[in-house]
């Protein structure tokens, strides 16, 4: 029962929020607005799905927001100067992998804490993006590329399908590959993972490469949506992605979480923002409300988990029994948290 409540907490909150917004505003559940919600959530979803791997591995990546902005600037510049959308998209993906590899090298080889390493990358990416554009935007994309922004598949924009593909691929990687379970093992206990033969440094490097590749895809999605390179875009994207992952139920200390839970967290944030927007709430107050709701959701979830642990602990009287229970728990096979 505790496990069921744990998995159902965020979906129940989301359903309650959708029900309330739908009953108070008839425009909320309209097909047009639902499409808007999915479109607005697409970039956050792309980055959050990759951030799930980073956080499960016990790391953080604060650079994805400014990295995606820099990637959109570089990609737009390449497309404008060469007229080749394929070349521009390729450069975006390669630059994302480069940024991810830099983060991975600094964290694994130089042993710099990921918070500090990616904070530095975030600042560098923002500064480079502004320097390349002198604070302006890169416009003049070819008409053929502009047509992509209006292209729809099953009545949904391309950026939504990019997010769907990222979800399907990363969900498969987490649930069906050895790498997915090794990420959980590394985040749960790095030393135990190392002693069991897992290449901890390699796993850490790979999760940052995944995050960098997601930043590249986010930069491409930004280009498609706004048809320009935006050096100031996605300033808070990394923090929102971390919030979506944590609110979804992934442990910030690592070793526990899933892509599916992150999806619920992303939808919760997207629905909340859209609901405030169609209600006419001032932008400043909207951010305040979103921040408060995220804190409350994470706090309630934390308190509920603590209550569950306390109840389980009280069921095992005595220090020896508790130690045996802990040892038994550590001996269980590592599984992904669905």
Protein backbone atom coordinates (compact mmCIF):
# COMPACT_ATOMS: atom_id res chain seq x y z
CA UNK A 1 0.00 0.00 0.00
CA UNK A 2 2.85 2.38 0.84
CA UNK A 3 4.38 1.71 -2.57
CA UNK A 4 1.07 2.37 -4.32
CA UNK A 5 0.61 5.65 -2.44
CA UNK A 6 4.18 6.61 -3.25
CA UNK A 7 3.68 6.12 -6.99
CA UNK A 8 0.20 7.67 -7.09
CA UNK A 9 0.93 10.85 -5.12
CA UNK A 10 1.91 13.19 -7.98
CA UNK A 11 -0.59 11.76 -10.52
CA UNK A 12 -3.40 12.31 -8.00
CA UNK A 13 -2.27 15.91 -7.44
CA UNK A 14 -2.12 16.43 -11.21
CA UNK A 15 -5.60 15.00 -11.78
CA UNK A 16 -6.99 17.17 -9.00
CA UNK A 17 -5.35 20.26 -10.52
CA UNK A 18 -6.66 19.47 -14.02
CA UNK A 19 -10.16 18.86 -12.62
CA UNK A 20 -10.14 22.17 -10.76
CA UNK A 21 -8.81 24.19 -13.70
CA UNK A 22 -11.20 22.50 -16.11
CA UNK A 23 -14.20 23.23 -13.89
CA UNK A 24 -13.28 26.88 -13.34
CA UNK A 25 -12.23 27.73 -16.90
CA UNK A 26 -13.93 26.15 -19.89
CA UNK A 27 -11.02 27.08 -22.17
CA UNK A 28 -8.54 24.98 -20.20
CA UNK A 29 -9.64 21.58 -21.55
CA UNK A 30 -10.06 22.76 -25.12
CA UNK A 31 -7.94 20.90 -27.73
CA UNK A 32 -6.09 24.11 -28.58
CA UNK A 33 -5.08 24.71 -24.98
CA UNK A 34 -4.09 21.09 -24.38
CA UNK A 35 -1.81 21.36 -27.41
CA UNK A 36 -0.37 24.57 -25.96
CA UNK A 37 0.34 22.82 -22.65
CA UNK A 38 2.19 19.99 -24.40
CA UNK A 39 4.12 22.41 -26.61
CA UNK A 40 5.16 24.59 -23.68
CA UNK A 41 6.23 21.51 -21.72
CA UNK A 42 8.28 19.97 -24.54
CA UNK A 43 11.64 21.66 -23.91
CA UNK A 44 11.34 21.18 -20.15
CA UNK A 45 10.46 17.53 -20.72
CA UNK A 46 13.46 16.87 -22.98
CA UNK A 47 15.89 18.25 -20.42
CA UNK A 48 14.10 16.73 -17.40
CA UNK A 49 14.15 13.20 -18.80
CA UNK A 50 17.93 13.41 -19.17
CA UNK A 51 18.27 15.16 -15.79
CA UNK A 52 16.60 12.12 -14.23
CA UNK A 53 19.65 10.01 -15.10
CA UNK A 54 21.99 12.67 -13.72
CA UNK A 55 20.15 12.94 -10.41
CA UNK A 56 19.67 9.18 -10.00
CA UNK A 57 23.44 8.88 -10.41
CA UNK A 58 23.86 11.30 -7.50
CA UNK A 59 24.90 14.31 -9.60
CA UNK A 60 23.45 17.65 -10.74
CA UNK A 61 23.66 19.52 -14.04
CA UNK A 62 22.97 23.25 -13.76
CA UNK A 63 24.28 24.03 -17.23
CA UNK A 64 21.50 22.62 -19.43
CA UNK A 65 19.50 25.86 -19.59
CA UNK A 66 22.22 28.24 -20.73
CA UNK A 67 23.81 25.44 -22.79
CA UNK A 68 20.58 25.05 -24.80
CA UNK A 69 20.48 28.82 -25.32
CA UNK A 70 24.08 28.82 -26.58
CA UNK A 71 23.34 25.84 -28.80
CA UNK A 72 20.34 27.64 -30.32
CA UNK A 73 22.56 30.65 -31.08
CA UNK A 74 25.30 28.56 -32.69
CA UNK A 75 22.80 26.44 -34.59
CA UNK A 76 20.93 29.49 -35.90
CA UNK A 77 24.21 31.11 -36.96
CA UNK A 78 25.31 28.02 -38.87
CA UNK A 79 21.95 27.68 -40.60
CA UNK A 80 21.83 31.37 -41.58
CA UNK A 81 25.38 31.41 -42.94
CA UNK A 82 25.32 28.06 -44.76
CA UNK A 83 21.63 27.69 -45.55
CA UNK A 84 21.85 24.06 -44.42
CA UNK A 85 19.40 23.00 -41.72
CA UNK A 86 21.00 19.53 -41.57
CA UNK A 87 24.41 21.03 -40.82
CA UNK A 88 22.92 23.34 -38.21
CA UNK A 89 21.12 20.50 -36.42
CA UNK A 90 24.28 18.37 -36.53
CA UNK A 91 26.32 21.19 -34.99
CA UNK A 92 23.70 21.58 -32.24
CA UNK A 93 23.94 17.91 -31.29
CA UNK A 94 27.74 17.88 -31.42
CA UNK A 95 27.98 21.01 -29.30
CA UNK A 96 25.63 19.46 -26.76
CA UNK A 97 27.81 16.36 -26.58
CA UNK A 98 30.90 18.58 -26.21
CA UNK A 99 29.38 20.46 -23.28
CA UNK A 100 28.29 17.19 -21.68
CA UNK A 101 31.74 15.69 -22.11
CA UNK A 102 33.38 18.76 -20.52
CA UNK A 103 31.09 18.43 -17.52
CA UNK A 104 31.77 14.71 -17.30
CA UNK A 105 35.55 15.13 -17.50
CA UNK A 106 35.63 17.85 -14.86
CA UNK A 107 33.47 15.79 -12.49
CA UNK A 108 35.08 12.37 -13.03
CA UNK A 109 38.74 13.14 -13.71
CA UNK A 110 39.23 16.38 -11.78
CA UNK A 111 36.78 15.25 -9.08
CA UNK A 112 35.08 18.64 -8.91
CA UNK A 113 31.59 18.41 -7.34
CA UNK A 114 29.00 18.43 -10.11
CA UNK A 115 27.20 21.43 -8.58
CA UNK A 116 30.33 23.57 -8.91
CA UNK A 117 31.45 22.12 -12.25
CA UNK A 118 28.13 22.64 -14.01
CA UNK A 119 27.63 26.03 -12.36
CA UNK A 120 30.87 27.09 -14.00
CA UNK A 121 29.74 25.66 -17.34
CA UNK A 122 26.43 27.48 -16.98
CA UNK A 123 28.17 30.83 -16.51
CA UNK A 124 30.58 30.20 -19.40
CA UNK A 125 27.79 29.16 -21.78
CA UNK A 126 25.74 32.24 -20.95
CA UNK A 127 28.71 34.56 -21.43
CA UNK A 128 29.69 32.97 -24.77
CA UNK A 129 26.12 33.16 -26.07
CA UNK A 130 25.88 36.86 -25.21
CA UNK A 131 29.32 37.57 -26.66
CA UNK A 132 28.48 35.87 -29.97
CA UNK A 133 25.32 37.93 -30.41
CA UNK A 134 26.16 41.15 -28.54
CA UNK A 135 23.05 40.50 -26.50
CA UNK A 136 20.77 40.29 -29.55
CA UNK A 137 19.04 37.40 -31.28
CA UNK A 138 20.04 35.51 -34.42
CA UNK A 139 17.32 35.74 -37.05
CA UNK A 140 16.98 35.15 -40.77
CA UNK A 141 16.48 31.39 -40.79
CA UNK A 142 15.58 30.00 -44.23
CA UNK A 143 11.92 29.60 -45.14
CA UNK A 144 12.33 25.82 -45.38
CA UNK A 145 13.38 25.66 -41.73
CA UNK A 146 10.57 27.98 -40.73
CA UNK A 147 8.07 25.56 -42.21
CA UNK A 148 9.15 22.97 -39.63
CA UNK A 149 7.62 25.09 -36.88
CA UNK A 150 4.19 24.79 -38.48
CA UNK A 151 4.53 21.09 -39.30
CA UNK A 152 2.16 18.86 -37.32
CA UNK A 153 1.96 15.11 -36.93
CA UNK A 154 -1.34 13.77 -35.54
CA UNK A 155 -2.21 17.43 -34.91
CA UNK A 156 0.77 17.89 -32.56
CA UNK A 157 3.83 20.13 -33.22
CA UNK A 158 7.21 18.61 -34.03
CA UNK A 159 8.73 19.69 -30.70
CA UNK A 160 6.17 17.57 -28.83
CA UNK A 161 7.18 14.51 -30.83
CA UNK A 162 10.85 15.20 -30.09
CA UNK A 163 9.99 15.08 -26.38
CA UNK A 164 8.00 11.87 -26.89
CA UNK A 165 10.92 10.19 -28.66
CA UNK A 166 13.34 11.25 -25.92
CA UNK A 167 10.96 9.81 -23.31
CA UNK A 168 10.59 6.48 -25.12
CA UNK A 169 14.32 6.06 -25.71
CA UNK A 170 15.40 6.98 -22.18
CA UNK A 171 12.61 4.95 -20.60
CA UNK A 172 13.80 1.93 -22.57
CA UNK A 173 17.41 2.61 -21.57
CA UNK A 174 16.49 2.80 -17.90
CA UNK A 175 14.20 -0.22 -17.80
CA UNK A 176 15.73 -2.58 -20.35
CA UNK A 177 19.51 -2.04 -20.27
CA UNK A 178 22.27 -2.89 -17.83
CA UNK A 179 23.37 0.74 -17.97
CA UNK A 180 20.01 1.88 -16.55
CA UNK A 181 20.41 -0.34 -13.50
CA UNK A 182 24.06 0.59 -13.09
CA UNK A 183 23.07 4.27 -12.88
CA UNK A 184 20.75 3.41 -9.98
CA UNK A 185 23.47 1.36 -8.29
CA UNK A 186 26.03 4.17 -8.62
CA UNK A 187 23.62 6.73 -7.20
CA UNK A 188 22.58 4.44 -4.36
CA UNK A 189 26.11 3.63 -3.17
CA UNK A 190 29.13 4.60 -5.25
CA UNK A 191 31.61 2.55 -3.22
CA UNK A 192 29.45 -0.56 -3.26
CA UNK A 193 28.95 -0.13 -7.00
CA UNK A 194 32.72 0.18 -7.52
CA UNK A 195 33.41 -2.93 -5.43
CA UNK A 196 30.83 -4.86 -7.44
CA UNK A 197 32.75 -4.13 -10.64
CA UNK A 198 30.80 -1.19 -12.02
CA UNK A 199 32.93 1.47 -13.73
CA UNK A 200 31.61 4.40 -11.69
CA UNK A 201 33.56 7.01 -13.64
CA UNK A 202 32.28 5.71 -16.97
CA UNK A 203 28.67 5.71 -15.77
CA UNK A 204 29.03 9.28 -14.47
CA UNK A 205 30.55 10.37 -17.76
CA UNK A 206 27.70 8.80 -19.72
CA UNK A 207 24.94 10.48 -17.72
CA UNK A 208 26.51 13.87 -18.42
CA UNK A 209 26.78 12.98 -22.11
CA UNK A 210 23.06 12.15 -22.07
CA UNK A 211 22.35 15.48 -20.42
CA UNK A 212 24.50 17.31 -22.98
CA UNK A 213 22.75 15.59 -25.86
CA UNK A 214 19.40 16.58 -24.34
CA UNK A 215 20.61 20.18 -24.15
CA UNK A 216 21.40 19.94 -27.87
CA UNK A 217 17.89 18.67 -28.59
CA UNK A 218 16.44 21.41 -26.39
CA UNK A 219 18.41 23.99 -28.40
CA UNK A 220 16.98 22.55 -31.62
CA UNK A 221 13.46 22.56 -30.16
CA UNK A 222 13.96 26.21 -29.14
CA UNK A 223 15.04 27.06 -32.70
CA UNK A 224 11.94 25.37 -34.08
CA UNK A 225 9.60 27.12 -31.67
CA UNK A 226 10.89 30.70 -31.85
CA UNK A 227 12.68 30.62 -35.22
CA UNK A 228 15.76 32.39 -33.86
CA UNK A 229 18.82 31.92 -31.69
CA UNK A 230 18.04 33.22 -28.19
CA UNK A 231 21.06 33.89 -25.93
CA UNK A 232 18.86 34.83 -22.97
CA UNK A 233 16.40 31.94 -23.25
CA UNK A 234 15.97 29.06 -20.78
CA UNK A 235 17.71 30.89 -17.92
CA UNK A 236 15.81 28.90 -15.27
CA UNK A 237 15.40 25.70 -17.29
CA UNK A 238 17.91 23.68 -15.26
CA UNK A 239 16.23 24.59 -11.97
CA UNK A 240 12.78 23.80 -13.36
CA UNK A 241 14.07 20.46 -14.65
CA UNK A 242 15.50 19.59 -11.23
CA UNK A 243 12.19 20.61 -9.66
CA UNK A 244 10.23 18.44 -12.11
CA UNK A 245 12.47 15.45 -11.41
CA UNK A 246 12.31 15.83 -7.62
CA UNK A 247 8.59 16.63 -7.47
CA UNK A 248 8.02 13.58 -9.65
CA UNK A 249 9.49 11.44 -6.89
CA UNK A 250 13.14 10.95 -7.82
CA UNK A 251 15.46 11.16 -4.83
CA UNK A 252 17.79 14.16 -4.95
CA UNK A 253 20.41 12.09 -3.10
CA UNK A 254 20.44 9.54 -5.93
CA UNK A 255 19.73 5.86 -6.32
CA UNK A 256 15.98 6.11 -6.80
CA UNK A 257 13.64 7.41 -9.49
CA UNK A 258 12.29 6.87 -12.98
CA UNK A 259 11.54 8.62 -16.25
CA UNK A 260 7.81 7.96 -15.79
CA UNK A 261 7.79 9.84 -12.50
CA UNK A 262 9.61 12.73 -14.11
CA UNK A 263 6.92 12.86 -16.79
CA UNK A 264 4.30 13.41 -14.07
CA UNK A 265 6.44 16.17 -12.56
CA UNK A 266 6.83 17.91 -15.93
CA UNK A 267 3.10 17.76 -16.59
CA UNK A 268 2.34 19.13 -13.13
CA UNK A 269 4.55 22.17 -13.71
CA UNK A 270 3.25 22.70 -17.25
CA UNK A 271 -0.42 22.46 -16.24
CA UNK A 272 0.11 24.77 -13.29
CA UNK A 273 1.82 27.42 -15.41
CA UNK A 274 -0.82 27.20 -18.13
CA UNK A 275 -3.64 27.40 -15.62
CA UNK A 276 -2.21 30.55 -14.10
CA UNK A 277 -1.65 32.00 -17.57
CA UNK A 278 -5.20 31.54 -18.82
CA UNK A 279 -6.47 32.87 -15.50
CA UNK A 280 -4.72 36.17 -16.23
CA UNK A 281 -2.33 36.05 -13.28
CA UNK A 282 0.52 38.58 -13.43
CA UNK A 283 3.82 37.00 -14.57
CA UNK A 284 5.62 37.92 -11.34
CA UNK A 285 2.88 36.48 -9.15
CA UNK A 286 2.69 33.43 -11.40
CA UNK A 287 6.31 32.57 -10.67
CA UNK A 288 5.67 33.03 -6.96
CA UNK A 289 2.72 30.63 -7.07
CA UNK A 290 4.67 28.05 -9.07
CA UNK A 291 7.57 28.23 -6.61
CA UNK A 292 5.30 27.85 -3.58
CA UNK A 293 3.43 24.92 -5.08
CA UNK A 294 6.66 23.14 -5.96
CA UNK A 295 7.99 23.60 -2.43
CA UNK A 296 4.75 22.37 -0.90
CA UNK A 297 4.55 19.36 -3.23
CA UNK A 298 8.14 18.34 -2.51
CA UNK A 299 7.67 18.93 1.25
CA UNK A 300 4.48 16.89 1.46
CA UNK A 301 6.12 14.07 -0.47
CA UNK A 302 9.17 14.20 1.81
CA UNK A 303 7.04 14.14 4.96
CA UNK A 304 5.01 11.25 3.64
CA UNK A 305 8.18 9.26 2.88
CA UNK A 306 9.53 10.05 6.33
CA UNK A 307 6.29 8.82 7.91
CA UNK A 308 6.53 5.58 5.94
CA UNK A 309 10.14 5.03 7.04
CA UNK A 310 9.23 5.81 10.64
CA UNK A 311 6.35 3.33 10.58
CA UNK A 312 8.57 0.64 9.06
CA UNK A 313 11.29 1.34 11.60
CA UNK A 314 8.92 1.07 14.54
CA UNK A 315 7.86 -2.35 13.28
CA UNK A 316 11.44 -3.63 13.85
CA UNK A 317 12.17 -3.27 17.60
CA UNK A 318 15.72 -3.37 18.84
CA UNK A 319 18.99 -2.30 17.28
CA UNK A 320 19.99 -5.79 16.16
CA UNK A 321 16.73 -6.36 14.35
CA UNK A 322 17.02 -3.00 12.65
CA UNK A 323 20.54 -3.81 11.55
CA UNK A 324 19.41 -7.15 10.16
CA UNK A 325 16.61 -5.41 8.28
CA UNK A 326 19.07 -2.89 6.84
CA UNK A 327 21.47 -5.64 5.79
CA UNK A 328 18.67 -7.56 4.13
CA UNK A 329 17.60 -4.46 2.26
CA UNK A 330 21.12 -3.89 0.97
CA UNK A 331 21.28 -7.47 -0.26
CA UNK A 332 18.23 -7.05 -2.47
CA UNK A 333 18.81 -6.62 -6.24
CA UNK A 334 18.75 -3.08 -7.60
CA UNK A 335 15.53 -2.25 -9.45
CA UNK A 336 14.28 0.81 -11.24
CA UNK A 337 11.61 2.78 -9.43
CA UNK A 338 8.60 2.85 -11.73
